[in-house]
Amino acid sequence: MRREDIRDLTRATPFQPFRVFLTTGETFDIHHPDMIMATLGTAHIAVPSPSGPPDAAERVKIVSLVHIQKIEFLPAAPSSQPGANGPPGPT
């Protein structure tokens, strides 16, 4: 994944929420453009608290851009998919 691709997604008007898939199986739902920032070689992803609002960060996960496998757009409402914003859920 290129940092320009992430920047294009966060600067789009209107912003459309998206899910980031990592090679580790983790997924991160991005509901606000300030929840992800791309730099040289890394992405800083805001991870919300499970009990808090989906657009407020509890911590930040820093991942290498080479580990971003794909990105998919989400519906406007927050996702309730198990494993979102962290390790994959049980199968």
C-alpha atoms as a PDB file:
ATOM      1  CA  MET A   1       0.000   0.000   0.000  1.00  0.00           C
ATOM      2  CA  ARG A   2       1.263   3.490  -0.794  1.00  0.00           C
ATOM      3  CA  ARG A   3       0.928   6.379   1.630  1.00  0.00           C
ATOM      4  CA  GLU A   4      -0.618   8.418  -1.191  1.00  0.00           C
ATOM      5  CA  ASP A   5      -3.461   5.873  -1.413  1.00  0.00           C
ATOM      6  CA  ILE A   6      -4.261   6.312   2.281  1.00  0.00           C
ATOM      7  CA  ARG A   7      -3.994  10.079   2.011  1.00  0.00           C
ATOM      8  CA  ASP A   8      -6.403  10.071  -0.940  1.00  0.00           C
ATOM      9  CA  LEU A   9      -8.923   8.080   1.113  1.00  0.00           C
ATOM     10  CA  THR A  10      -8.707  10.399   4.107  1.00  0.00           C
ATOM     11  CA  ARG A  11      -8.934  13.559   2.001  1.00  0.00           C
ATOM     12  CA  ALA A  12     -11.918  12.440  -0.067  1.00  0.00           C
ATOM     13  CA  THR A  13     -15.026  14.614   0.114  1.00  0.00           C
ATOM     14  CA  PRO A  14     -17.279  13.298   1.414  1.00  0.00           C
ATOM     15  CA  PHE A  15     -15.215  10.936   3.561  1.00  0.00           C
ATOM     16  CA  GLN A  16     -16.262   7.295   3.230  1.00  0.00           C
ATOM     17  CA  PRO A  17     -15.430   4.937   6.126  1.00  0.00           C
ATOM     18  CA  PHE A  18     -13.186   2.003   5.242  1.00  0.00           C
ATOM     19  CA  ARG A  19     -11.648  -1.158   6.712  1.00  0.00           C
ATOM     20  CA  VAL A  20      -7.905  -1.819   6.633  1.00  0.00           C
ATOM     21  CA  PHE A  21      -6.846  -5.489   6.338  1.00  0.00           C
ATOM     22  CA  LEU A  22      -3.357  -6.466   7.511  1.00  0.00           C
ATOM     23  CA  THR A  23      -1.311  -9.511   6.541  1.00  0.00           C
ATOM     24  CA  THR A  24      -1.602 -10.621  10.212  1.00  0.00           C
ATOM     25  CA  GLY A  25      -5.370 -11.017   9.873  1.00  0.00           C
ATOM     26  CA  GLU A  26      -6.094  -7.914  11.943  1.00  0.00           C
ATOM     27  CA  THR A  27      -8.643  -5.417  10.658  1.00  0.00           C
ATOM     28  CA  PHE A  28      -9.118  -1.779  11.575  1.00  0.00           C
ATOM     29  CA  ASP A  29     -12.264   0.204  10.845  1.00  0.00           C
ATOM     30  CA  ILE A  30     -11.611   3.837   9.982  1.00  0.00           C
ATOM     31  CA  HIS A  31     -14.754   5.906  10.673  1.00  0.00           C
ATOM     32  CA  HIS A  32     -13.111   9.336  10.608  1.00  0.00           C
ATOM     33  CA  PRO A  33     -10.224  10.656   8.463  1.00  0.00           C
ATOM     34  CA  ASP A  34      -8.231  11.570  11.582  1.00  0.00           C
ATOM     35  CA  MET A  35      -8.153   7.909  12.672  1.00  0.00           C
ATOM     36  CA  ILE A  36      -5.325   6.996  10.275  1.00  0.00           C
ATOM     37  CA  MET A  37      -2.200   8.839   9.232  1.00  0.00           C
ATOM     38  CA  ALA A  38       0.262   7.623   6.614  1.00  0.00           C
ATOM     39  CA  THR A  39       3.945   8.507   6.875  1.00  0.00           C
ATOM     40  CA  LEU A  40       7.053   7.237   5.127  1.00  0.00           C
ATOM     41  CA  GLY A  41       6.665   3.481   5.378  1.00  0.00           C
ATOM     42  CA  THR A  42       4.123   3.360   8.216  1.00  0.00           C
ATOM     43  CA  ALA A  43       0.485   3.969   9.039  1.00  0.00           C
ATOM     44  CA  HIS A  44      -0.587   5.197  12.472  1.00  0.00           C
ATOM     45  CA  ILE A  45      -4.052   3.819  13.211  1.00  0.00           C
ATOM     46  CA  ALA A  46      -6.217   5.086  16.072  1.00  0.00           C
ATOM     47  CA  VAL A  47      -7.809   2.167  17.918  1.00  0.00           C
ATOM     48  CA  PRO A  48     -10.989   3.040  19.841  1.00  0.00           C
ATOM     49  CA  SER A  49     -11.987   1.527  23.170  1.00  0.00           C
ATOM     50  CA  PRO A  50     -14.460  -1.364  22.761  1.00  0.00           C
ATOM     51  CA  SER A  51     -16.908   0.479  25.028  1.00  0.00           C
ATOM     52  CA  GLY A  52     -16.306   3.976  23.627  1.00  0.00           C
ATOM     53  CA  PRO A  53     -17.350   5.773  20.467  1.00  0.00           C
ATOM     54  CA  PRO A  54     -15.834   4.397  17.236  1.00  0.00           C
ATOM     55  CA  ASP A  55     -14.189   7.727  16.379  1.00  0.00           C
ATOM     56  CA  ALA A  56     -12.273   8.253  19.668  1.00  0.00           C
ATOM     57  CA  ALA A  57      -8.852   6.649  20.101  1.00  0.00           C
ATOM     58  CA  GLU A  58      -7.816   4.667  23.158  1.00  0.00           C
ATOM     59  CA  ARG A  59      -4.416   3.755  21.680  1.00  0.00           C
ATOM     60  CA  VAL A  60      -2.468   3.915  18.426  1.00  0.00           C
ATOM     61  CA  LYS A  61      -1.243   0.963  16.366  1.00  0.00           C
ATOM     62  CA  ILE A  62       1.738   1.643  14.107  1.00  0.00           C
ATOM     63  CA  VAL A  63       1.982  -0.728  11.140  1.00  0.00           C
ATOM     64  CA  SER A  64       4.275  -0.985   8.161  1.00  0.00           C
ATOM     65  CA  LEU A  65       2.589  -0.039   4.894  1.00  0.00           C
ATOM     66  CA  VAL A  66       3.832  -3.311   3.376  1.00  0.00           C
ATOM     67  CA  HIS A  67       1.542  -5.177   5.810  1.00  0.00           C
ATOM     68  CA  ILE A  68      -1.623  -3.462   4.581  1.00  0.00           C
ATOM     69  CA  GLN A  69      -3.106  -6.165   2.385  1.00  0.00           C
ATOM     70  CA  LYS A  70      -6.252  -4.398   1.191  1.00  0.00           C
ATOM     71  CA  ILE A  71      -8.819  -1.727   1.999  1.00  0.00           C
ATOM     72  CA  GLU A  72     -12.591  -2.045   1.643  1.00  0.00           C
ATOM     73  CA  PHE A  73     -15.235   0.651   2.016  1.00  0.00           C
ATOM     74  CA  LEU A  74     -17.723   0.348   4.894  1.00  0.00           C
ATOM     75  CA  PRO A  75     -21.314   1.445   5.219  1.00  0.00           C
ATOM     76  CA  ALA A  76     -21.656   4.754   7.100  1.00  0.00           C
ATOM     77  CA  ALA A  77     -22.691   3.035  10.374  1.00  0.00           C
ATOM     78  CA  PRO A  78     -19.993   1.525  12.649  1.00  0.00           C
ATOM     79  CA  SER A  79     -19.185  -2.120  12.004  1.00  0.00           C
ATOM     80  CA  SER A  80     -20.071  -4.806  14.536  1.00  0.00           C
ATOM     81  CA  GLN A  81     -17.899  -7.432  12.871  1.00  0.00           C
ATOM     82  CA  PRO A  82     -15.934  -9.495  15.402  1.00  0.00           C
ATOM     83  CA  GLY A  83     -12.233  -8.827  15.194  1.00  0.00           C
ATOM     84  CA  ALA A  84     -12.580  -5.311  13.842  1.00  0.00           C
ATOM     85  CA  ASN A  85      -9.806  -3.048  15.151  1.00  0.00           C
ATOM     86  CA  GLY A  86      -7.662  -5.843  16.424  1.00  0.00           C
ATOM     87  CA  PRO A  87      -6.907  -9.548  16.186  1.00  0.00           C
ATOM     88  CA  PRO A  88      -9.155 -11.764  14.084  1.00  0.00           C
ATOM     89  CA  GLY A  89     -12.219 -13.132  15.857  1.00  0.00           C
ATOM     90  CA  PRO A  90     -12.778 -16.845  16.558  1.00  0.00           C
ATOM     91  CA  THR A  91     -13.639 -18.954  13.538  1.00  0.00           C
END
